[in-house]
């Protein structure tokens, strides 16, 4: 099967609670995902600026990953950590053979692509599966697409992901980026997709991309989070992706494990934090901007929603 799933709950979901899930929840969500047969589990951020906290999925180095999950059985899943380029010195990364981590995802903005992909190359030398992620992908022009593809074909990361940071891609725009990458990216590089749900399209876009990709030799990686837990509008719900792939692509992910995780851990968090589709998420996506701008203007309590929308359109 050339379509794989990555569970980003412990990383993207952490934006809602400053990554403080509690130790028991960190363990339980990991064990549920591995038992479900999820291909890749993203356990959080590696960030030198943060002290180690056994209750949080944001850690200063790779050794700390082992302090939380190191005694658990991966059950065939690969463990992935994320680094926001510029927040983690390469000295904080153990060689892969000494680490509980199998792969590292590096997110970076367009203007940092050269430095970030050189950093990815250093991670490859340490033995990791390297996932490169160009955030705010809707800002990439054809010129910039060609520039990053040339770099990617030199470095050859394990995965390069389209990141719909603002949650504004419809299937036509997503298809444009996907087809362009599929045409020019080295065939050994997996294409990934990380959706946000500002327009309620995260799962729909994943379904369409999976159908489009079904006859390809290249691997496709789809990100999802349990109950859609993620920053702002959240992500494609992992339980929906699993159900869709099981019913249409003969996969055998154990949906009951994810349902148990929702019931035991995630619903309690949701009732406190309330991620998901919202007016703020819609306004941000419809104006092609980060949700923080919307929050800043709305929090002034001096502007109507109409006024905020008109300011952002300018």
Protein backbone atom coordinates (compact mmCIF):
# COMPACT_ATOMS: atom_id res chain seq x y z
CA UNK A 1 0.00 0.00 0.00
CA UNK A 2 1.56 3.28 -1.08
CA UNK A 3 -0.48 5.51 1.25
CA UNK A 4 0.69 5.94 4.85
CA UNK A 5 -0.67 7.83 7.87
CA UNK A 6 1.12 10.03 10.38
CA UNK A 7 -0.49 10.87 13.74
CA UNK A 8 0.44 14.44 14.70
CA UNK A 9 -1.80 14.72 17.80
CA UNK A 10 0.99 15.10 20.36
CA UNK A 11 2.73 17.77 18.28
CA UNK A 12 0.07 19.86 16.52
CA UNK A 13 -2.46 19.25 19.28
CA UNK A 14 0.02 20.68 21.75
CA UNK A 15 -0.53 24.21 20.45
CA UNK A 16 -3.79 24.14 22.41
CA UNK A 17 -2.34 23.30 25.83
CA UNK A 18 1.33 24.35 25.55
CA UNK A 19 2.07 20.63 25.01
CA UNK A 20 1.11 19.80 28.62
CA UNK A 21 -0.90 16.62 28.11
CA UNK A 22 0.21 14.98 31.34
CA UNK A 23 2.51 11.97 31.49
CA UNK A 24 -0.25 9.35 31.57
CA UNK A 25 -1.96 10.86 28.52
CA UNK A 26 1.34 11.06 26.61
CA UNK A 27 1.83 7.34 27.25
CA UNK A 28 -1.76 6.34 26.52
CA UNK A 29 -2.03 8.24 23.22
CA UNK A 30 1.26 6.74 22.06
CA UNK A 31 0.16 3.21 22.94
CA UNK A 32 -3.24 3.66 21.28
CA UNK A 33 -1.67 4.83 18.03
CA UNK A 34 0.92 2.05 17.93
CA UNK A 35 -1.78 -0.52 18.72
CA UNK A 36 -3.91 0.91 15.91
CA UNK A 37 -1.07 0.26 13.48
CA UNK A 38 -0.49 3.93 12.59
CA UNK A 39 2.62 4.12 10.41
CA UNK A 40 4.25 7.20 11.94
CA UNK A 41 3.69 8.82 15.35
CA UNK A 42 4.88 12.37 15.86
CA UNK A 43 5.64 12.68 19.55
CA UNK A 44 6.19 16.46 19.70
CA UNK A 45 8.81 19.16 19.27
CA UNK A 46 12.54 19.14 19.94
CA UNK A 47 13.28 22.72 21.01
CA UNK A 48 16.41 23.86 22.87
CA UNK A 49 14.50 26.77 24.40
CA UNK A 50 12.28 24.52 26.50
CA UNK A 51 13.30 22.67 29.70
CA UNK A 52 12.45 19.01 30.07
CA UNK A 53 9.03 18.33 31.59
CA UNK A 54 7.85 14.72 31.78
CA UNK A 55 4.28 15.97 31.29
CA UNK A 56 4.95 17.85 28.05
CA UNK A 57 5.54 16.77 24.46
CA UNK A 58 8.10 19.52 23.81
CA UNK A 59 11.66 18.60 24.78
CA UNK A 60 15.13 20.16 24.59
CA UNK A 61 16.87 17.19 22.93
CA UNK A 62 16.35 13.67 21.59
CA UNK A 63 17.52 12.02 24.82
CA UNK A 64 14.43 13.39 26.57
CA UNK A 65 12.17 11.53 24.15
CA UNK A 66 13.50 8.29 25.58
CA UNK A 67 12.82 9.49 29.12
CA UNK A 68 9.09 9.63 28.33
CA UNK A 69 8.43 6.84 25.82
CA UNK A 70 11.72 4.90 25.67
CA UNK A 71 10.47 1.78 27.49
CA UNK A 72 7.38 1.37 25.28
CA UNK A 73 6.91 -1.01 22.37
CA UNK A 74 6.68 0.78 19.01
CA UNK A 75 4.85 -2.23 17.53
CA UNK A 76 6.03 -1.50 14.00
CA UNK A 77 5.29 2.24 14.07
CA UNK A 78 8.03 4.80 13.42
CA UNK A 79 8.58 7.54 15.99
CA UNK A 80 8.97 11.05 14.59
CA UNK A 81 9.97 14.32 16.30
CA UNK A 82 9.59 17.80 14.82
CA UNK A 83 12.06 20.68 14.77
CA UNK A 84 11.13 24.21 13.79
CA UNK A 85 14.31 25.18 11.93
CA UNK A 86 16.45 27.50 14.05
CA UNK A 87 15.20 26.28 17.44
CA UNK A 88 17.44 23.22 17.89
CA UNK A 89 21.19 22.93 17.59
CA UNK A 90 22.42 19.83 15.78
CA UNK A 91 24.45 18.97 18.90
CA UNK A 92 21.17 18.22 20.70
CA UNK A 93 20.43 15.39 18.28
CA UNK A 94 21.86 11.95 19.07
CA UNK A 95 22.83 9.58 16.28
CA UNK A 96 19.71 7.70 15.29
CA UNK A 97 21.09 4.34 16.42
CA UNK A 98 21.30 5.71 19.99
CA UNK A 99 17.86 7.32 19.94
CA UNK A 100 14.24 6.21 20.42
CA UNK A 101 13.43 8.55 17.51
CA UNK A 102 13.39 7.10 13.99
CA UNK A 103 12.80 10.27 12.01
CA UNK A 104 12.81 14.05 12.33
CA UNK A 105 10.51 16.53 10.61
CA UNK A 106 11.94 19.97 9.91
CA UNK A 107 9.53 22.83 9.28
CA UNK A 108 10.78 26.02 7.69
CA UNK A 109 9.61 29.19 6.01
CA UNK A 110 10.24 29.78 2.33
CA UNK A 111 13.08 32.29 2.79
CA UNK A 112 14.99 29.74 4.91
CA UNK A 113 14.78 26.81 2.50
CA UNK A 114 18.53 26.68 1.70
CA UNK A 115 19.70 26.69 5.32
CA UNK A 116 16.92 24.36 6.46
CA UNK A 117 17.61 21.75 3.82
CA UNK A 118 21.31 21.81 4.64
CA UNK A 119 20.25 21.12 8.23
CA UNK A 120 18.13 18.22 6.92
CA UNK A 121 21.23 16.88 5.24
CA UNK A 122 23.06 16.89 8.58
CA UNK A 123 20.18 14.94 10.14
CA UNK A 124 20.41 12.38 7.34
CA UNK A 125 24.09 11.91 8.17
CA UNK A 126 23.04 11.06 11.74
CA UNK A 127 20.93 8.22 10.33
CA UNK A 128 17.41 9.67 10.64
CA UNK A 129 14.52 9.48 8.24
CA UNK A 130 14.17 13.18 7.38
CA UNK A 131 10.85 14.84 6.68
CA UNK A 132 11.07 18.34 5.17
CA UNK A 133 8.03 20.61 5.48
CA UNK A 134 7.57 23.89 3.64
CA UNK A 135 5.08 25.85 5.74
CA UNK A 136 2.60 28.32 4.21
CA UNK A 137 2.90 26.45 0.94
CA UNK A 138 0.31 28.66 -0.76
CA UNK A 139 2.95 31.43 -0.81
CA UNK A 140 5.19 29.42 -3.19
CA UNK A 141 5.25 30.78 -6.73
CA UNK A 142 6.35 28.58 -9.64
CA UNK A 143 9.82 30.12 -9.40
CA UNK A 144 10.07 29.20 -5.73
CA UNK A 145 8.64 25.74 -6.39
CA UNK A 146 11.41 25.11 -8.91
CA UNK A 147 14.00 26.43 -6.46
CA UNK A 148 12.94 24.17 -3.62
CA UNK A 149 12.50 21.12 -5.87
CA UNK A 150 16.09 21.52 -7.07
CA UNK A 151 17.28 21.57 -3.46
CA UNK A 152 15.09 18.62 -2.47
CA UNK A 153 16.38 16.52 -5.36
CA UNK A 154 19.91 17.11 -4.08
CA UNK A 155 19.21 16.35 -0.41
CA UNK A 156 16.60 13.62 -1.06
CA UNK A 157 14.71 13.70 2.23
CA UNK A 158 12.48 10.75 3.04
CA UNK A 159 9.37 12.97 2.75
CA UNK A 160 8.53 16.43 1.52
CA UNK A 161 5.15 17.68 2.73
CA UNK A 162 2.74 20.26 1.39
CA UNK A 163 1.63 22.23 4.45
CA UNK A 164 -1.69 24.07 4.20
CA UNK A 165 -0.80 26.36 7.11
CA UNK A 166 -3.75 28.69 6.62
CA UNK A 167 -6.25 25.94 5.80
CA UNK A 168 -7.32 27.61 2.56
CA UNK A 169 -6.54 25.02 -0.11
CA UNK A 170 -9.38 23.64 -2.15
CA UNK A 171 -8.83 20.47 -4.15
CA UNK A 172 -7.91 22.39 -7.33
CA UNK A 173 -5.09 24.29 -5.63
CA UNK A 174 -3.93 21.16 -3.81
CA UNK A 175 -3.92 19.20 -7.06
CA UNK A 176 -1.81 21.90 -8.71
CA UNK A 177 0.91 21.62 -6.04
CA UNK A 178 0.67 17.83 -5.84
CA UNK A 179 0.93 17.34 -9.62
CA UNK A 180 3.83 19.77 -9.89
CA UNK A 181 5.76 17.99 -7.16
CA UNK A 182 4.90 14.55 -8.53
CA UNK A 183 6.19 15.57 -11.95
CA UNK A 184 9.51 17.09 -10.90
CA UNK A 185 10.38 15.65 -7.48
CA UNK A 186 12.78 12.68 -7.38
CA UNK A 187 10.67 9.46 -7.33
CA UNK A 188 12.30 8.25 -4.10
CA UNK A 189 10.84 11.19 -2.14
CA UNK A 190 7.45 10.61 -0.52
CA UNK A 191 4.94 13.43 -0.96
CA UNK A 192 3.13 14.39 2.24
CA UNK A 193 0.10 16.53 3.00
CA UNK A 194 -0.57 18.35 6.26
CA UNK A 195 -4.04 19.92 6.30
CA UNK A 196 -5.73 22.48 8.51
CA UNK A 197 -9.49 22.64 8.75
CA UNK A 198 -10.30 26.36 8.42
CA UNK A 199 -12.64 25.72 5.47
CA UNK A 200 -13.80 22.27 6.69
CA UNK A 201 -11.81 20.73 3.82
CA UNK A 202 -8.99 18.90 5.63
CA UNK A 203 -10.50 15.41 5.42
CA UNK A 204 -12.12 16.00 2.02
CA UNK A 205 -8.78 17.06 0.55
CA UNK A 206 -7.07 14.00 2.02
CA UNK A 207 -9.71 11.73 0.47
CA UNK A 208 -9.35 13.29 -2.96
CA UNK A 209 -5.56 13.18 -2.81
CA UNK A 210 -5.63 9.51 -1.78
CA UNK A 211 -7.92 8.64 -4.69
CA UNK A 212 -5.74 10.58 -7.12
CA UNK A 213 -2.60 8.91 -5.81
CA UNK A 214 -3.89 5.33 -5.65
CA UNK A 215 -2.20 4.16 -8.86
CA UNK A 216 1.14 5.88 -8.28
CA UNK A 217 4.36 4.11 -7.37
CA UNK A 218 5.50 7.00 -5.18
CA UNK A 219 4.37 6.87 -1.53
CA UNK A 220 1.85 9.40 -0.19
CA UNK A 221 1.86 10.41 3.50
CA UNK A 222 -1.30 11.89 5.03
CA UNK A 223 -1.22 13.67 8.40
CA UNK A 224 -4.09 13.35 10.83
CA UNK A 225 -4.72 13.98 14.50
CA UNK A 226 -7.05 12.25 16.91
CA UNK A 227 -10.44 14.02 16.87
CA UNK A 228 -8.78 16.65 14.68
CA UNK A 229 -6.84 18.05 17.66
CA UNK A 230 -4.57 20.79 16.37
CA UNK A 231 -3.81 24.47 16.25
CA UNK A 232 -6.81 26.70 15.62
CA UNK A 233 -9.21 24.91 13.30
CA UNK A 234 -7.39 21.63 13.84
CA UNK A 235 -6.32 18.95 11.38
CA UNK A 236 -7.83 16.08 9.41
CA UNK A 237 -9.34 13.73 12.03
CA UNK A 238 -7.25 10.58 12.27
CA UNK A 239 -10.30 8.40 12.92
CA UNK A 240 -11.87 9.57 9.63
CA UNK A 241 -8.67 8.90 7.66
CA UNK A 242 -8.38 5.42 9.15
CA UNK A 243 -12.01 4.58 8.38
CA UNK A 244 -11.69 5.88 4.82
CA UNK A 245 -8.48 3.95 4.08
CA UNK A 246 -9.80 0.75 5.67
CA UNK A 247 -12.98 0.88 3.59
CA UNK A 248 -11.42 1.97 0.29
CA UNK A 249 -7.80 0.80 0.24
CA UNK A 250 -7.95 -2.50 2.16
CA UNK A 251 -5.83 -1.25 5.05
CA UNK A 252 -6.21 -2.79 8.48
CA UNK A 253 -5.80 0.04 10.99
CA UNK A 254 -7.59 -0.70 14.28
CA UNK A 255 -10.17 2.09 14.58
CA UNK A 256 -11.24 0.92 18.05
CA UNK A 257 -7.89 1.95 19.51
CA UNK A 258 -8.37 5.50 18.26
CA UNK A 259 -11.98 5.60 19.48
CA UNK A 260 -10.77 4.54 22.93
CA UNK A 261 -8.18 7.34 22.88
CA UNK A 262 -10.93 9.85 22.07
CA UNK A 263 -13.18 8.55 24.82
CA UNK A 264 -10.55 8.24 27.53
CA UNK A 265 -8.29 11.23 26.83
CA UNK A 266 -9.25 13.54 23.99
CA UNK A 267 -12.87 14.44 24.80
CA UNK A 268 -11.84 15.79 28.20
CA UNK A 269 -9.24 17.99 26.50
CA UNK A 270 -11.73 19.09 23.84
CA UNK A 271 -14.28 20.19 26.44
CA UNK A 272 -11.63 22.48 27.95
CA UNK A 273 -9.84 23.72 24.84
CA UNK A 274 -12.42 23.73 21.99
CA UNK A 275 -10.27 23.51 18.86
CA UNK A 276 -11.94 23.21 15.46
CA UNK A 277 -13.79 25.21 12.84
CA UNK A 278 -14.57 28.74 14.01
CA UNK A 279 -15.34 32.22 12.76
CA UNK A 280 -11.73 33.26 13.46
CA UNK A 281 -10.41 30.32 11.43
CA UNK A 282 -12.71 31.14 8.53
CA UNK A 283 -11.75 34.83 8.46
CA UNK A 284 -8.05 33.94 8.56
CA UNK A 285 -8.26 31.44 5.71
CA UNK A 286 -10.49 33.61 3.53
CA UNK A 287 -7.94 36.44 3.81
CA UNK A 288 -4.89 34.22 3.33
CA UNK A 289 -3.36 35.16 6.66
CA UNK A 290 -2.27 33.66 9.97
CA UNK A 291 -5.04 33.33 12.63
CA UNK A 292 -2.93 35.39 15.06
CA UNK A 293 -3.71 38.51 13.03
CA UNK A 294 -7.43 37.87 13.42
CA UNK A 295 -7.04 37.26 17.16
CA UNK A 296 -5.05 40.46 17.58
CA UNK A 297 -7.74 42.58 15.93
CA UNK A 298 -10.71 40.87 17.55
CA UNK A 299 -9.14 41.01 21.00
CA UNK A 300 -9.07 44.80 20.83
CA UNK A 301 -12.86 44.70 21.36
CA UNK A 302 -13.13 47.93 19.36
CA UNK A 303 -13.71 46.50 15.89
CA UNK A 304 -16.66 44.68 14.39
CA UNK A 305 -16.12 41.40 12.55
CA UNK A 306 -16.92 43.25 9.32
CA UNK A 307 -14.23 45.84 10.09
CA UNK A 308 -11.66 43.14 10.88
CA UNK A 309 -12.45 41.37 7.63
CA UNK A 310 -12.08 44.59 5.63
CA UNK A 311 -8.77 45.47 7.30
CA UNK A 312 -7.33 42.04 6.49
CA UNK A 313 -8.50 42.22 2.89
CA UNK A 314 -6.44 45.37 2.45
